[in-house]
Amino acid sequence: MADIFEIFGELSYFGIFLVLIGVNASPILMPPSWIVLTSFYLLDPTLNVVVLAMVGATGATIGRFVLKKISGLFRKFVSEEQKSNLDIIGDYLNKKKYGYVIASFLFGATPLPSNFLFISYGLMRAKSIGIYIGFWFGRTISYIVMIYFGNAALKPFLEIFEDRLTGILLIDAVGIGVLIFFASINWTLLITQRKLKFVRPRVWRL
């Protein structure tokens, strides 16, 4: 991992931009992008924090765009019931003026795993530009905060997850758990009647 930081770090902002695209285009088994970005800054403190955050957010947004496109190819494997559920969410967000912007901003500005958000976007074939605008601004803000507090935020995290693979797998497990939770909600009933009901999520047609 250190070699990767050194190799791409030599390319300055462009190298960091490429790494962030790759990290965010992958659905699983990647460290949180704020850790990657903060590590680059700790390696080279001469980097401008705001510029670094904007470059990182741009790379992250492009990476998530790629992930969303790839995820859309798997819609044919989704059960009809779950397609209908996803389409209900999409229609609801489309009717809200800033629906996609707010949803993407919240995931971008918080530690919530965003990979499964964009997988869901891909499966529901969401096409709003607000997806990327909200995510970019959210990521820029969160990256600036995390970079400024890099030492305080990064070191304890790595101490807790001394084995990096264990930490990455735990984060992915949380993301999968969030996806299953949202897939278990009967969105048709929640949106139309304001009633919360859970159903067994049958995502894949077998």
C-alpha atoms as a PDB file:
ATOM      1  CA  MET A   1       0.000   0.000   0.000  1.00  0.00           C
ATOM      2  CA  ALA A   2       2.844   2.367   0.860  1.00  0.00           C
ATOM      3  CA  ASP A   3       4.384   1.736  -2.571  1.00  0.00           C
ATOM      4  CA  ILE A   4       1.125   2.747  -4.253  1.00  0.00           C
ATOM      5  CA  PHE A   5       1.051   6.024  -2.335  1.00  0.00           C
ATOM      6  CA  GLU A   6       4.665   6.751  -3.283  1.00  0.00           C
ATOM      7  CA  ILE A   7       4.220   5.884  -6.978  1.00  0.00           C
ATOM      8  CA  PHE A   8       1.037   7.885  -7.510  1.00  0.00           C
ATOM      9  CA  GLY A   9       2.137  10.569  -5.062  1.00  0.00           C
ATOM     10  CA  GLU A  10       4.953  11.437  -7.456  1.00  0.00           C
ATOM     11  CA  LEU A  11       2.286  12.447  -9.979  1.00  0.00           C
ATOM     12  CA  SER A  12       0.927  14.929  -7.433  1.00  0.00           C
ATOM     13  CA  TYR A  13      -2.763  15.820  -7.816  1.00  0.00           C
ATOM     14  CA  PHE A  14      -3.167  13.861 -11.055  1.00  0.00           C
ATOM     15  CA  GLY A  15      -1.907  10.659  -9.446  1.00  0.00           C
ATOM     16  CA  ILE A  16      -4.241  11.139  -6.485  1.00  0.00           C
ATOM     17  CA  PHE A  17      -7.098  11.802  -8.910  1.00  0.00           C
ATOM     18  CA  LEU A  18      -6.466   8.449 -10.656  1.00  0.00           C
ATOM     19  CA  VAL A  19      -6.299   6.524  -7.383  1.00  0.00           C
ATOM     20  CA  LEU A  20      -9.605   8.010  -6.184  1.00  0.00           C
ATOM     21  CA  ILE A  21     -11.302   6.996  -9.440  1.00  0.00           C
ATOM     22  CA  GLY A  22     -10.105   3.419  -9.023  1.00  0.00           C
ATOM     23  CA  VAL A  23     -11.068   3.182  -5.342  1.00  0.00           C
ATOM     24  CA  ASN A  24     -14.582   4.515  -5.963  1.00  0.00           C
ATOM     25  CA  ALA A  25     -15.238   2.492  -9.115  1.00  0.00           C
ATOM     26  CA  SER A  26     -14.890  -0.731  -7.119  1.00  0.00           C
ATOM     27  CA  PRO A  27     -18.009  -1.983  -5.284  1.00  0.00           C
ATOM     28  CA  ILE A  28     -16.159  -3.742  -2.424  1.00  0.00           C
ATOM     29  CA  LEU A  29     -12.760  -4.503  -0.882  1.00  0.00           C
ATOM     30  CA  MET A  30     -11.504  -0.929  -1.002  1.00  0.00           C
ATOM     31  CA  PRO A  31     -10.546   1.307   1.951  1.00  0.00           C
ATOM     32  CA  PRO A  32     -12.649   4.404   2.596  1.00  0.00           C
ATOM     33  CA  SER A  33     -11.524   7.109   0.180  1.00  0.00           C
ATOM     34  CA  TRP A  34     -11.001   9.632   2.998  1.00  0.00           C
ATOM     35  CA  ILE A  35      -8.281   7.353   4.405  1.00  0.00           C
ATOM     36  CA  VAL A  36      -6.585   7.212   1.005  1.00  0.00           C
ATOM     37  CA  LEU A  37      -6.756  10.974   0.579  1.00  0.00           C
ATOM     38  CA  THR A  38      -5.571  11.699   4.114  1.00  0.00           C
ATOM     39  CA  SER A  39      -2.664   9.288   3.662  1.00  0.00           C
ATOM     40  CA  PHE A  40      -1.536  11.201   0.583  1.00  0.00           C
ATOM     41  CA  TYR A  41      -1.617  14.436   2.544  1.00  0.00           C
ATOM     42  CA  LEU A  42       0.353  12.987   5.450  1.00  0.00           C
ATOM     43  CA  LEU A  43       2.905  11.776   2.912  1.00  0.00           C
ATOM     44  CA  ASP A  44       3.160  15.263   1.360  1.00  0.00           C
ATOM     45  CA  PRO A  45       1.923  18.046   3.696  1.00  0.00           C
ATOM     46  CA  THR A  46       2.801  20.688   1.069  1.00  0.00           C
ATOM     47  CA  LEU A  47      -0.379  19.787  -0.830  1.00  0.00           C
ATOM     48  CA  ASN A  48      -3.123  22.403  -0.636  1.00  0.00           C
ATOM     49  CA  VAL A  49      -5.940  20.973   1.485  1.00  0.00           C
ATOM     50  CA  VAL A  50      -8.815  22.582  -0.427  1.00  0.00           C
ATOM     51  CA  VAL A  51      -7.378  21.707  -3.839  1.00  0.00           C
ATOM     52  CA  LEU A  52      -6.650  18.166  -2.658  1.00  0.00           C
ATOM     53  CA  ALA A  53     -10.215  17.779  -1.389  1.00  0.00           C
ATOM     54  CA  MET A  54     -11.677  19.064  -4.671  1.00  0.00           C
ATOM     55  CA  VAL A  55      -9.432  16.786  -6.747  1.00  0.00           C
ATOM     56  CA  GLY A  56     -10.344  13.858  -4.511  1.00  0.00           C
ATOM     57  CA  ALA A  57     -14.063  14.642  -4.719  1.00  0.00           C
ATOM     58  CA  THR A  58     -13.863  14.853  -8.513  1.00  0.00           C
ATOM     59  CA  GLY A  59     -12.082  11.507  -8.740  1.00  0.00           C
ATOM     60  CA  ALA A  60     -14.530   9.954  -6.276  1.00  0.00           C
ATOM     61  CA  THR A  61     -17.533  11.254  -8.220  1.00  0.00           C
ATOM     62  CA  ILE A  62     -16.205   9.914 -11.534  1.00  0.00           C
ATOM     63  CA  GLY A  63     -15.478   6.582  -9.868  1.00  0.00           C
ATOM     64  CA  ARG A  64     -18.998   6.374  -8.482  1.00  0.00           C
ATOM     65  CA  PHE A  65     -20.359   7.260 -11.935  1.00  0.00           C
ATOM     66  CA  VAL A  66     -18.495   4.250 -13.346  1.00  0.00           C
ATOM     67  CA  LEU A  67     -19.788   2.037 -10.518  1.00  0.00           C
ATOM     68  CA  LYS A  68     -23.355   3.198 -11.179  1.00  0.00           C
ATOM     69  CA  LYS A  69     -23.042   2.408 -14.894  1.00  0.00           C
ATOM     70  CA  ILE A  70     -21.663  -1.071 -14.206  1.00  0.00           C
ATOM     71  CA  SER A  71     -24.367  -1.766 -11.616  1.00  0.00           C
ATOM     72  CA  GLY A  72     -27.074  -0.858 -14.134  1.00  0.00           C
ATOM     73  CA  LEU A  73     -26.009  -3.842 -16.262  1.00  0.00           C
ATOM     74  CA  PHE A  74     -27.146  -6.196 -13.494  1.00  0.00           C
ATOM     75  CA  ARG A  75     -30.730  -4.912 -13.353  1.00  0.00           C
ATOM     76  CA  LYS A  76     -31.854  -7.854 -15.478  1.00  0.00           C
ATOM     77  CA  PHE A  77     -30.950 -10.182 -12.612  1.00  0.00           C
ATOM     78  CA  VAL A  78     -33.123  -8.298 -10.113  1.00  0.00           C
ATOM     79  CA  SER A  79     -36.524  -9.753  -9.227  1.00  0.00           C
ATOM     80  CA  GLU A  80     -39.604  -7.988 -10.600  1.00  0.00           C
ATOM     81  CA  GLU A  81     -40.775  -7.209  -7.074  1.00  0.00           C
ATOM     82  CA  GLN A  82     -37.504  -5.503  -6.221  1.00  0.00           C
ATOM     83  CA  LYS A  83     -37.449  -3.645  -9.558  1.00  0.00           C
ATOM     84  CA  SER A  84     -40.840  -2.205  -8.673  1.00  0.00           C
ATOM     85  CA  ASN A  85     -39.560  -1.246  -5.225  1.00  0.00           C
ATOM     86  CA  LEU A  86     -36.519   0.498  -6.703  1.00  0.00           C
ATOM     87  CA  ASP A  87     -38.620   2.290  -9.310  1.00  0.00           C
ATOM     88  CA  ILE A  88     -40.914   3.621  -6.571  1.00  0.00           C
ATOM     89  CA  ILE A  89     -37.912   5.184  -4.830  1.00  0.00           C
ATOM     90  CA  GLY A  90     -36.670   6.607  -8.138  1.00  0.00           C
ATOM     91  CA  ASP A  91     -40.048   8.125  -8.982  1.00  0.00           C
ATOM     92  CA  TYR A  92     -40.284   9.646  -5.507  1.00  0.00           C
ATOM     93  CA  LEU A  93     -36.836  11.251  -5.738  1.00  0.00           C
ATOM     94  CA  ASN A  94     -37.585  12.493  -9.267  1.00  0.00           C
ATOM     95  CA  LYS A  95     -40.691  14.288  -8.005  1.00  0.00           C
ATOM     96  CA  LYS A  96     -38.701  16.082  -5.307  1.00  0.00           C
ATOM     97  CA  LYS A  97     -36.866  19.107  -6.705  1.00  0.00           C
ATOM     98  CA  TYR A  98     -33.668  18.359  -4.810  1.00  0.00           C
ATOM     99  CA  GLY A  99     -34.325  14.713  -3.966  1.00  0.00           C
ATOM    100  CA  TYR A 100     -31.215  13.212  -5.536  1.00  0.00           C
ATOM    101  CA  VAL A 101     -29.060  16.177  -4.539  1.00  0.00           C
ATOM    102  CA  ILE A 102     -29.955  15.856  -0.858  1.00  0.00           C
ATOM    103  CA  ALA A 103     -29.664  12.052  -0.782  1.00  0.00           C
ATOM    104  CA  SER A 104     -26.249  12.071  -2.459  1.00  0.00           C
ATOM    105  CA  PHE A 105     -25.014  15.002  -0.366  1.00  0.00           C
ATOM    106  CA  LEU A 106     -25.885  13.214   2.878  1.00  0.00           C
ATOM    107  CA  PHE A 107     -23.972  10.103   1.835  1.00  0.00           C
ATOM    108  CA  GLY A 108     -21.084  12.188   0.527  1.00  0.00           C
ATOM    109  CA  ALA A 109     -20.740  14.358   3.621  1.00  0.00           C
ATOM    110  CA  THR A 110     -21.021  11.569   6.187  1.00  0.00           C
ATOM    111  CA  PRO A 111     -19.128   8.326   6.881  1.00  0.00           C
ATOM    112  CA  LEU A 112     -22.016   6.295   5.429  1.00  0.00           C
ATOM    113  CA  PRO A 113     -20.774   3.815   2.774  1.00  0.00           C
ATOM    114  CA  SER A 114     -21.690   5.327  -0.593  1.00  0.00           C
ATOM    115  CA  ASN A 115     -20.766   2.375  -2.805  1.00  0.00           C
ATOM    116  CA  PHE A 116     -24.081   0.628  -2.223  1.00  0.00           C
ATOM    117  CA  LEU A 117     -25.963   3.894  -2.712  1.00  0.00           C
ATOM    118  CA  PHE A 118     -24.592   4.105  -6.255  1.00  0.00           C
ATOM    119  CA  ILE A 119     -25.202   0.412  -6.844  1.00  0.00           C
ATOM    120  CA  SER A 120     -28.838   1.128  -5.962  1.00  0.00           C
ATOM    121  CA  TYR A 121     -28.825   4.150  -8.273  1.00  0.00           C
ATOM    122  CA  GLY A 122     -27.545   1.911 -11.055  1.00  0.00           C
ATOM    123  CA  LEU A 123     -30.189  -0.735 -10.446  1.00  0.00           C
ATOM    124  CA  MET A 124     -32.969   1.863 -10.490  1.00  0.00           C
ATOM    125  CA  ARG A 125     -31.401   3.525 -13.576  1.00  0.00           C
ATOM    126  CA  ALA A 126     -31.369   6.955 -11.962  1.00  0.00           C
ATOM    127  CA  LYS A 127     -30.296   9.662 -14.412  1.00  0.00           C
ATOM    128  CA  SER A 128     -30.440  12.928 -12.466  1.00  0.00           C
ATOM    129  CA  ILE A 129     -27.359  15.187 -12.598  1.00  0.00           C
ATOM    130  CA  GLY A 130     -28.222  16.042  -8.993  1.00  0.00           C
ATOM    131  CA  ILE A 131     -26.761  12.669  -7.988  1.00  0.00           C
ATOM    132  CA  TYR A 132     -23.269  13.853  -8.854  1.00  0.00           C
ATOM    133  CA  ILE A 133     -23.654  17.484  -7.783  1.00  0.00           C
ATOM    134  CA  GLY A 134     -24.792  16.543  -4.292  1.00  0.00           C
ATOM    135  CA  PHE A 135     -22.156  13.843  -3.917  1.00  0.00           C
ATOM    136  CA  TRP A 136     -19.317  16.110  -5.112  1.00  0.00           C
ATOM    137  CA  PHE A 137     -20.154  18.897  -2.663  1.00  0.00           C
ATOM    138  CA  GLY A 138     -20.662  16.419   0.160  1.00  0.00           C
ATOM    139  CA  ARG A 139     -17.358  14.703  -0.521  1.00  0.00           C
ATOM    140  CA  THR A 140     -15.478  18.005  -0.828  1.00  0.00           C
ATOM    141  CA  ILE A 141     -16.689  19.158   2.586  1.00  0.00           C
ATOM    142  CA  SER A 142     -16.008  15.818   4.287  1.00  0.00           C
ATOM    143  CA  TYR A 143     -12.556  15.523   2.704  1.00  0.00           C
ATOM    144  CA  ILE A 144     -11.528  18.998   3.879  1.00  0.00           C
ATOM    145  CA  VAL A 145     -12.567  18.129   7.431  1.00  0.00           C
ATOM    146  CA  MET A 146     -10.870  14.733   7.422  1.00  0.00           C
ATOM    147  CA  ILE A 147      -7.636  16.050   5.899  1.00  0.00           C
ATOM    148  CA  TYR A 148      -7.382  18.890   8.428  1.00  0.00           C
ATOM    149  CA  PHE A 149      -7.850  16.399  11.245  1.00  0.00           C
ATOM    150  CA  GLY A 150      -5.870  13.671   9.494  1.00  0.00           C
ATOM    151  CA  ASN A 151      -3.633  12.616  12.352  1.00  0.00           C
ATOM    152  CA  ALA A 152      -6.437  12.620  14.890  1.00  0.00           C
ATOM    153  CA  ALA A 153      -8.851  10.729  12.629  1.00  0.00           C
ATOM    154  CA  LEU A 154      -6.556   8.332  10.771  1.00  0.00           C
ATOM    155  CA  LYS A 155      -4.215   6.953  13.415  1.00  0.00           C
ATOM    156  CA  PRO A 156      -6.868   5.770  15.899  1.00  0.00           C
ATOM    157  CA  PHE A 157      -8.764   4.184  13.008  1.00  0.00           C
ATOM    158  CA  LEU A 158      -5.697   2.213  11.904  1.00  0.00           C
ATOM    159  CA  GLU A 159      -4.994   1.196  15.487  1.00  0.00           C
ATOM    160  CA  ILE A 160      -8.488  -0.220  15.828  1.00  0.00           C
ATOM    161  CA  PHE A 161      -8.125  -2.042  12.527  1.00  0.00           C
ATOM    162  CA  GLU A 162      -4.468  -3.002  12.662  1.00  0.00           C
ATOM    163  CA  ASP A 163      -5.218  -5.648  10.068  1.00  0.00           C
ATOM    164  CA  ARG A 164      -6.303  -3.455   7.129  1.00  0.00           C
ATOM    165  CA  LEU A 165      -8.172  -6.308   5.426  1.00  0.00           C
ATOM    166  CA  THR A 166     -10.270  -6.851   8.553  1.00  0.00           C
ATOM    167  CA  GLY A 167     -11.159  -3.157   8.627  1.00  0.00           C
ATOM    168  CA  ILE A 168     -12.087  -3.098   4.946  1.00  0.00           C
ATOM    169  CA  LEU A 169     -14.211  -6.229   5.278  1.00  0.00           C
ATOM    170  CA  LEU A 170     -15.987  -4.769   8.319  1.00  0.00           C
ATOM    171  CA  ILE A 171     -16.789  -1.559   6.435  1.00  0.00           C
ATOM    172  CA  ASP A 172     -18.091  -3.563   3.470  1.00  0.00           C
ATOM    173  CA  ALA A 173     -20.207  -5.659   5.843  1.00  0.00           C
ATOM    174  CA  VAL A 174     -21.754  -2.472   7.241  1.00  0.00           C
ATOM    175  CA  GLY A 175     -22.479  -1.293   3.703  1.00  0.00           C
ATOM    176  CA  ILE A 176     -24.098  -4.605   2.768  1.00  0.00           C
ATOM    177  CA  GLY A 177     -26.136  -4.445   5.972  1.00  0.00           C
ATOM    178  CA  VAL A 178     -27.374  -0.965   5.056  1.00  0.00           C
ATOM    179  CA  LEU A 179     -28.299  -2.173   1.546  1.00  0.00           C
ATOM    180  CA  ILE A 180     -30.220  -5.171   2.931  1.00  0.00           C
ATOM    181  CA  PHE A 181     -32.016  -2.914   5.419  1.00  0.00           C
ATOM    182  CA  PHE A 182     -33.194  -0.534   2.705  1.00  0.00           C
ATOM    183  CA  ALA A 183     -34.086  -3.446   0.424  1.00  0.00           C
ATOM    184  CA  SER A 184     -36.242  -4.857   3.242  1.00  0.00           C
ATOM    185  CA  ILE A 185     -38.433  -1.755   3.367  1.00  0.00           C
ATOM    186  CA  ASN A 186     -41.691  -1.800   1.450  1.00  0.00           C
ATOM    187  CA  TRP A 187     -41.126   1.583  -0.173  1.00  0.00           C
ATOM    188  CA  THR A 188     -44.438   1.551  -2.006  1.00  0.00           C
ATOM    189  CA  LEU A 189     -46.318   1.389   1.283  1.00  0.00           C
ATOM    190  CA  LEU A 190     -44.001   3.849   3.027  1.00  0.00           C
ATOM    191  CA  ILE A 191     -44.187   6.513   0.302  1.00  0.00           C
ATOM    192  CA  THR A 192     -47.887   6.192  -0.562  1.00  0.00           C
ATOM    193  CA  GLN A 193     -49.377   5.498   2.881  1.00  0.00           C
ATOM    194  CA  ARG A 194     -46.594   6.592   5.261  1.00  0.00           C
ATOM    195  CA  LYS A 195     -46.570   3.114   6.828  1.00  0.00           C
ATOM    196  CA  LEU A 196     -43.333   1.314   7.628  1.00  0.00           C
ATOM    197  CA  LYS A 197     -43.367  -2.373   6.742  1.00  0.00           C
ATOM    198  CA  PHE A 198     -40.504  -4.768   6.179  1.00  0.00           C
ATOM    199  CA  VAL A 199     -40.448  -7.570   3.630  1.00  0.00           C
ATOM    200  CA  ARG A 200     -37.939 -10.239   2.767  1.00  0.00           C
ATOM    201  CA  PRO A 201     -35.568  -8.692   0.212  1.00  0.00           C
ATOM    202  CA  ARG A 202     -35.371 -10.839  -2.917  1.00  0.00           C
ATOM    203  CA  VAL A 203     -32.871  -8.928  -4.993  1.00  0.00           C
ATOM    204  CA  TRP A 204     -31.604 -11.558  -7.405  1.00  0.00           C
ATOM    205  CA  ARG A 205     -33.706 -13.766  -9.645  1.00  0.00           C
ATOM    206  CA  LEU A 206     -32.513 -17.337  -9.230  1.00  0.00           C
END
